[in-house]
Amino acid sequence: MYKYKQLKLWQKSMNVTADIYKITEKLPDKERYNLISQICRSAVSIPSNIAEGAGRNSKKDFSHFLSIALGSSFELETQVILTEKLNYLSKTQIDDILAQLIEIQSMILGLKKSLE
């Protein structure tokens, strides 16, 4: 078992999730049950799966949950890009989130590799 709260990866994914919740407040109300809901679910899935995997008893299980977190990060990246195409968020907001996601994706891949 890993102490997930001490993992920089988990901390960064929690930060991006908090950022996502803040910026989704700026999206149109008509997206509340569609895009906003999906974005928030994808975002919270990243640190949640890191934590769940860290609590498992094997490296194989941890790696599996890291794969799920990685998939959620790409899902979130796609949804954030969509908000840009719909002109819901500024380029600065989008670029900041995407940069954080790229860093998280790289960290997930690095941690997965270290578990092999």
N, C-alpha and C. Protein backbone atom coordinates (compact mmCIF):
# COMPACT_ATOMS: atom_id res chain seq x y z
N MET A 1 0.84 -1.19 0.00
CA MET A 1 0.00 0.00 0.00
C MET A 1 0.88 1.25 0.00
N TYR A 2 0.44 2.23 -0.72
CA TYR A 2 1.16 3.50 -0.83
C TYR A 2 0.38 4.57 -0.07
N LYS A 3 1.10 5.54 0.43
CA LYS A 3 0.46 6.67 1.10
C LYS A 3 0.10 7.68 0.02
N TYR A 4 -1.10 7.53 -0.51
CA TYR A 4 -1.50 8.30 -1.69
C TYR A 4 -1.47 9.81 -1.47
N LYS A 5 -1.75 10.25 -0.25
CA LYS A 5 -1.78 11.70 0.00
C LYS A 5 -0.39 12.32 -0.13
N GLN A 6 0.63 11.50 -0.03
CA GLN A 6 1.99 12.01 -0.16
C GLN A 6 2.49 11.97 -1.60
N LEU A 7 1.75 11.34 -2.48
CA LEU A 7 2.14 11.28 -3.88
C LEU A 7 1.91 12.63 -4.56
N LYS A 8 2.96 13.18 -5.16
CA LYS A 8 2.83 14.45 -5.89
C LYS A 8 1.78 14.33 -6.99
N LEU A 9 1.70 13.17 -7.57
CA LEU A 9 0.72 12.91 -8.62
C LEU A 9 -0.70 13.10 -8.09
N TRP A 10 -0.99 12.54 -6.94
CA TRP A 10 -2.32 12.68 -6.35
C TRP A 10 -2.59 14.14 -6.00
N GLN A 11 -1.60 14.82 -5.43
CA GLN A 11 -1.75 16.23 -5.05
C GLN A 11 -2.04 17.10 -6.27
N LYS A 12 -1.29 16.88 -7.35
CA LYS A 12 -1.51 17.66 -8.57
C LYS A 12 -2.87 17.36 -9.19
N SER A 13 -3.27 16.11 -9.13
CA SER A 13 -4.58 15.77 -9.71
C SER A 13 -5.72 16.35 -8.87
N MET A 14 -5.51 16.45 -7.57
CA MET A 14 -6.50 17.12 -6.72
C MET A 14 -6.59 18.61 -7.07
N ASN A 15 -5.44 19.21 -7.33
CA ASN A 15 -5.42 20.64 -7.69
C ASN A 15 -6.14 20.89 -9.01
N VAL A 16 -5.88 20.05 -10.01
CA VAL A 16 -6.54 20.26 -11.29
C VAL A 16 -8.05 20.00 -11.15
N THR A 17 -8.43 19.06 -10.31
CA THR A 17 -9.85 18.80 -10.08
C THR A 17 -10.52 20.02 -9.44
N ALA A 18 -9.87 20.62 -8.47
CA ALA A 18 -10.41 21.84 -7.85
C ALA A 18 -10.52 22.96 -8.87
N ASP A 19 -9.50 23.09 -9.73
CA ASP A 19 -9.55 24.11 -10.78
C ASP A 19 -10.72 23.86 -11.73
N ILE A 20 -10.93 22.61 -12.08
CA ILE A 20 -12.03 22.25 -12.98
C ILE A 20 -13.37 22.64 -12.36
N TYR A 21 -13.55 22.33 -11.09
CA TYR A 21 -14.82 22.67 -10.43
C TYR A 21 -15.04 24.18 -10.44
N LYS A 22 -13.97 24.95 -10.28
CA LYS A 22 -14.10 26.42 -10.30
C LYS A 22 -14.46 26.94 -11.68
N ILE A 23 -13.79 26.40 -12.71
CA ILE A 23 -14.06 26.96 -14.04
C ILE A 23 -15.39 26.48 -14.61
N THR A 24 -15.87 25.33 -14.18
CA THR A 24 -17.17 24.88 -14.70
C THR A 24 -18.31 25.76 -14.19
N GLU A 25 -18.07 26.49 -13.13
CA GLU A 25 -19.09 27.43 -12.65
C GLU A 25 -19.35 28.53 -13.68
N LYS A 26 -18.38 28.73 -14.58
CA LYS A 26 -18.50 29.78 -15.59
C LYS A 26 -19.17 29.29 -16.88
N LEU A 27 -19.42 27.99 -16.95
CA LEU A 27 -20.06 27.47 -18.15
C LEU A 27 -21.56 27.76 -18.11
N PRO A 28 -22.20 27.78 -19.28
CA PRO A 28 -23.63 28.09 -19.33
C PRO A 28 -24.48 27.08 -18.55
N ASP A 29 -25.54 27.57 -17.93
CA ASP A 29 -26.44 26.71 -17.17
C ASP A 29 -27.01 25.57 -18.00
N LYS A 30 -27.17 25.79 -19.30
CA LYS A 30 -27.72 24.73 -20.16
C LYS A 30 -26.81 23.50 -20.21
N GLU A 31 -25.56 23.65 -19.79
CA GLU A 31 -24.60 22.53 -19.78
C GLU A 31 -24.52 21.83 -18.43
N ARG A 32 -25.31 22.28 -17.45
CA ARG A 32 -25.22 21.75 -16.09
C ARG A 32 -25.34 20.23 -16.03
N TYR A 33 -26.27 19.65 -16.76
CA TYR A 33 -26.50 18.21 -16.69
C TYR A 33 -25.85 17.45 -17.85
N ASN A 34 -25.12 18.16 -18.66
CA ASN A 34 -24.44 17.52 -19.79
C ASN A 34 -22.94 17.65 -19.62
N LEU A 35 -22.39 18.66 -20.23
CA LEU A 35 -20.94 18.81 -20.27
C LEU A 35 -20.33 19.06 -18.88
N ILE A 36 -20.95 19.89 -18.08
CA ILE A 36 -20.40 20.18 -16.74
C ILE A 36 -20.34 18.91 -15.91
N SER A 37 -21.41 18.17 -15.91
CA SER A 37 -21.46 16.93 -15.14
C SER A 37 -20.37 15.96 -15.61
N GLN A 38 -20.22 15.82 -16.91
CA GLN A 38 -19.22 14.90 -17.45
C GLN A 38 -17.81 15.35 -17.14
N ILE A 39 -17.55 16.65 -17.26
CA ILE A 39 -16.22 17.19 -16.96
C ILE A 39 -15.87 16.94 -15.50
N CYS A 40 -16.79 17.21 -14.61
CA CYS A 40 -16.52 17.02 -13.18
C CYS A 40 -16.30 15.55 -12.85
N ARG A 41 -17.07 14.66 -13.45
CA ARG A 41 -16.88 13.22 -13.20
C ARG A 41 -15.51 12.75 -13.69
N SER A 42 -15.10 13.22 -14.85
CA SER A 42 -13.79 12.84 -15.38
C SER A 42 -12.68 13.36 -14.48
N ALA A 43 -12.82 14.60 -14.05
CA ALA A 43 -11.78 15.21 -13.21
C ALA A 43 -11.62 14.48 -11.89
N VAL A 44 -12.73 14.23 -11.21
CA VAL A 44 -12.66 13.60 -9.89
C VAL A 44 -12.23 12.13 -10.00
N SER A 45 -12.42 11.54 -11.15
CA SER A 45 -12.00 10.16 -11.36
C SER A 45 -10.49 10.00 -11.30
N ILE A 46 -9.76 11.03 -11.67
CA ILE A 46 -8.29 10.92 -11.71
C ILE A 46 -7.72 10.70 -10.31
N PRO A 47 -7.89 11.64 -9.37
CA PRO A 47 -7.33 11.39 -8.03
C PRO A 47 -8.00 10.23 -7.31
N SER A 48 -9.27 10.00 -7.60
CA SER A 48 -9.98 8.89 -6.94
C SER A 48 -9.37 7.55 -7.31
N ASN A 49 -9.06 7.36 -8.57
CA ASN A 49 -8.47 6.10 -9.00
C ASN A 49 -7.02 5.95 -8.54
N ILE A 50 -6.31 7.06 -8.45
CA ILE A 50 -4.95 7.01 -7.90
C ILE A 50 -5.01 6.56 -6.44
N ALA A 51 -5.93 7.14 -5.69
CA ALA A 51 -6.08 6.77 -4.27
C ALA A 51 -6.52 5.33 -4.13
N GLU A 52 -7.50 4.91 -4.92
CA GLU A 52 -7.98 3.53 -4.81
C GLU A 52 -6.88 2.54 -5.16
N GLY A 53 -6.15 2.82 -6.21
CA GLY A 53 -5.06 1.93 -6.60
C GLY A 53 -3.96 1.87 -5.56
N ALA A 54 -3.67 3.01 -4.95
CA ALA A 54 -2.63 3.05 -3.91
C ALA A 54 -3.04 2.21 -2.70
N GLY A 55 -4.32 2.07 -2.49
CA GLY A 55 -4.81 1.30 -1.36
C GLY A 55 -4.88 -0.20 -1.62
N ARG A 56 -4.59 -0.61 -2.82
CA ARG A 56 -4.62 -2.03 -3.15
C ARG A 56 -3.33 -2.71 -2.68
N ASN A 57 -3.37 -4.02 -2.67
CA ASN A 57 -2.25 -4.78 -2.10
C ASN A 57 -1.19 -5.22 -3.09
N SER A 58 -1.35 -4.84 -4.35
CA SER A 58 -0.33 -5.28 -5.31
C SER A 58 0.01 -4.17 -6.30
N LYS A 59 1.20 -4.26 -6.83
CA LYS A 59 1.63 -3.31 -7.85
C LYS A 59 0.77 -3.45 -9.10
N LYS A 60 0.36 -4.66 -9.40
CA LYS A 60 -0.48 -4.91 -10.58
C LYS A 60 -1.82 -4.19 -10.44
N ASP A 61 -2.42 -4.28 -9.26
CA ASP A 61 -3.69 -3.58 -9.03
C ASP A 61 -3.50 -2.06 -9.10
N PHE A 62 -2.42 -1.57 -8.49
CA PHE A 62 -2.15 -0.14 -8.52
C PHE A 62 -1.99 0.32 -9.96
N SER A 63 -1.24 -0.43 -10.75
CA SER A 63 -1.02 -0.09 -12.15
C SER A 63 -2.35 -0.05 -12.91
N HIS A 64 -3.23 -0.99 -12.62
CA HIS A 64 -4.55 -1.03 -13.27
C HIS A 64 -5.34 0.26 -12.98
N PHE A 65 -5.36 0.68 -11.73
CA PHE A 65 -6.09 1.90 -11.38
C PHE A 65 -5.42 3.15 -11.93
N LEU A 66 -4.11 3.11 -12.07
CA LEU A 66 -3.41 4.22 -12.73
C LEU A 66 -3.82 4.30 -14.20
N SER A 67 -4.03 3.15 -14.83
CA SER A 67 -4.49 3.14 -16.22
C SER A 67 -5.87 3.78 -16.33
N ILE A 68 -6.73 3.51 -15.37
CA ILE A 68 -8.06 4.13 -15.38
C ILE A 68 -7.93 5.64 -15.19
N ALA A 69 -7.06 6.05 -14.26
CA ALA A 69 -6.84 7.49 -14.04
C ALA A 69 -6.30 8.15 -15.31
N LEU A 70 -5.41 7.46 -16.00
CA LEU A 70 -4.86 8.00 -17.24
C LEU A 70 -5.96 8.17 -18.29
N GLY A 71 -6.81 7.16 -18.41
CA GLY A 71 -7.94 7.26 -19.34
C GLY A 71 -8.85 8.43 -19.01
N SER A 72 -9.11 8.62 -17.73
CA SER A 72 -9.95 9.75 -17.29
C SER A 72 -9.29 11.08 -17.62
N SER A 73 -7.96 11.14 -17.52
CA SER A 73 -7.26 12.39 -17.83
C SER A 73 -7.39 12.73 -19.31
N PHE A 74 -7.34 11.71 -20.17
CA PHE A 74 -7.52 11.96 -21.61
C PHE A 74 -8.96 12.32 -21.93
N GLU A 75 -9.89 11.72 -21.21
CA GLU A 75 -11.30 12.07 -21.36
C GLU A 75 -11.51 13.53 -20.97
N LEU A 76 -10.94 13.93 -19.84
CA LEU A 76 -11.05 15.31 -19.39
C LEU A 76 -10.39 16.27 -20.38
N GLU A 77 -9.24 15.88 -20.89
CA GLU A 77 -8.55 16.72 -21.87
C GLU A 77 -9.46 16.97 -23.08
N THR A 78 -10.10 15.94 -23.56
CA THR A 78 -11.01 16.06 -24.70
C THR A 78 -12.17 17.01 -24.39
N GLN A 79 -12.72 16.88 -23.20
CA GLN A 79 -13.85 17.73 -22.81
C GLN A 79 -13.42 19.19 -22.66
N VAL A 80 -12.22 19.41 -22.15
CA VAL A 80 -11.72 20.78 -22.01
C VAL A 80 -11.49 21.39 -23.39
N ILE A 81 -10.96 20.62 -24.31
CA ILE A 81 -10.78 21.11 -25.68
C ILE A 81 -12.14 21.46 -26.29
N LEU A 82 -13.15 20.67 -26.00
CA LEU A 82 -14.50 20.97 -26.49
C LEU A 82 -15.00 22.31 -25.96
N THR A 83 -14.72 22.62 -24.69
CA THR A 83 -15.17 23.91 -24.15
C THR A 83 -14.53 25.07 -24.90
N GLU A 84 -13.31 24.85 -25.37
CA GLU A 84 -12.65 25.89 -26.17
C GLU A 84 -13.36 26.03 -27.52
N LYS A 85 -13.66 24.91 -28.15
CA LYS A 85 -14.33 24.96 -29.45
C LYS A 85 -15.71 25.60 -29.35
N LEU A 86 -16.34 25.48 -28.19
CA LEU A 86 -17.66 26.09 -27.97
C LEU A 86 -17.56 27.52 -27.45
N ASN A 87 -16.32 28.01 -27.30
CA ASN A 87 -16.06 29.37 -26.80
C ASN A 87 -16.62 29.60 -25.41
N TYR A 88 -16.57 28.58 -24.57
CA TYR A 88 -17.07 28.71 -23.20
C TYR A 88 -16.00 29.23 -22.24
N LEU A 89 -14.74 28.94 -22.55
CA LEU A 89 -13.64 29.34 -21.66
C LEU A 89 -12.56 30.05 -22.46
N SER A 90 -11.77 30.84 -21.76
CA SER A 90 -10.70 31.57 -22.44
C SER A 90 -9.54 30.65 -22.78
N LYS A 91 -8.76 31.07 -23.75
CA LYS A 91 -7.58 30.30 -24.17
C LYS A 91 -6.62 30.13 -23.00
N THR A 92 -6.49 31.14 -22.17
CA THR A 92 -5.59 31.08 -21.01
C THR A 92 -6.05 29.99 -20.04
N GLN A 93 -7.35 29.95 -19.75
CA GLN A 93 -7.88 28.92 -18.86
C GLN A 93 -7.65 27.52 -19.44
N ILE A 94 -7.93 27.39 -20.71
CA ILE A 94 -7.76 26.10 -21.39
C ILE A 94 -6.30 25.67 -21.36
N ASP A 95 -5.41 26.58 -21.72
CA ASP A 95 -3.98 26.25 -21.77
C ASP A 95 -3.45 25.84 -20.40
N ASP A 96 -3.91 26.50 -19.35
CA ASP A 96 -3.48 26.17 -18.00
C ASP A 96 -3.91 24.75 -17.62
N ILE A 97 -5.16 24.43 -17.86
CA ILE A 97 -5.69 23.10 -17.53
C ILE A 97 -4.97 22.04 -18.37
N LEU A 98 -4.82 22.29 -19.66
CA LEU A 98 -4.17 21.31 -20.53
C LEU A 98 -2.72 21.06 -20.11
N ALA A 99 -2.02 22.11 -19.71
CA ALA A 99 -0.64 21.95 -19.24
C ALA A 99 -0.59 21.08 -17.99
N GLN A 100 -1.52 21.31 -17.08
CA GLN A 100 -1.59 20.48 -15.87
C GLN A 100 -1.89 19.03 -16.21
N LEU A 101 -2.79 18.81 -17.16
CA LEU A 101 -3.15 17.45 -17.54
C LEU A 101 -1.99 16.72 -18.21
N ILE A 102 -1.25 17.42 -19.04
CA ILE A 102 -0.09 16.80 -19.69
C ILE A 102 0.93 16.38 -18.63
N GLU A 103 1.15 17.21 -17.64
CA GLU A 103 2.07 16.87 -16.56
C GLU A 103 1.56 15.65 -15.77
N ILE A 104 0.28 15.63 -15.47
CA ILE A 104 -0.32 14.50 -14.75
C ILE A 104 -0.21 13.22 -15.57
N GLN A 105 -0.49 13.31 -16.85
CA GLN A 105 -0.39 12.13 -17.71
C GLN A 105 1.03 11.58 -17.72
N SER A 106 1.99 12.46 -17.81
CA SER A 106 3.39 12.05 -17.79
C SER A 106 3.76 11.40 -16.45
N MET A 107 3.26 11.96 -15.37
CA MET A 107 3.54 11.41 -14.04
C MET A 107 2.90 10.03 -13.87
N ILE A 108 1.69 9.87 -14.38
CA ILE A 108 1.02 8.57 -14.30
C ILE A 108 1.83 7.52 -15.06
N LEU A 109 2.24 7.87 -16.27
CA LEU A 109 3.02 6.93 -17.06
C LEU A 109 4.34 6.58 -16.37
N GLY A 110 4.98 7.58 -15.76
CA GLY A 110 6.22 7.32 -15.03
C GLY A 110 6.02 6.43 -13.85
N LEU A 111 4.96 6.64 -13.11
CA LEU A 111 4.67 5.80 -11.93
C LEU A 111 4.32 4.38 -12.38
N LYS A 112 3.53 4.26 -13.44
CA LYS A 112 3.21 2.92 -13.96
C LYS A 112 4.48 2.17 -14.34
N LYS A 113 5.39 2.86 -15.00
CA LYS A 113 6.65 2.24 -15.43
C LYS A 113 7.46 1.78 -14.22
N SER A 114 7.45 2.58 -13.16
CA SER A 114 8.23 2.23 -11.97
C SER A 114 7.65 1.01 -11.25
N LEU A 115 6.38 0.73 -11.49
CA LEU A 115 5.73 -0.42 -10.84
C LEU A 115 6.00 -1.73 -11.58
N GLU A 116 6.52 -1.64 -12.79
CA GLU A 116 6.77 -2.85 -13.59
C GLU A 116 7.95 -3.65 -13.06
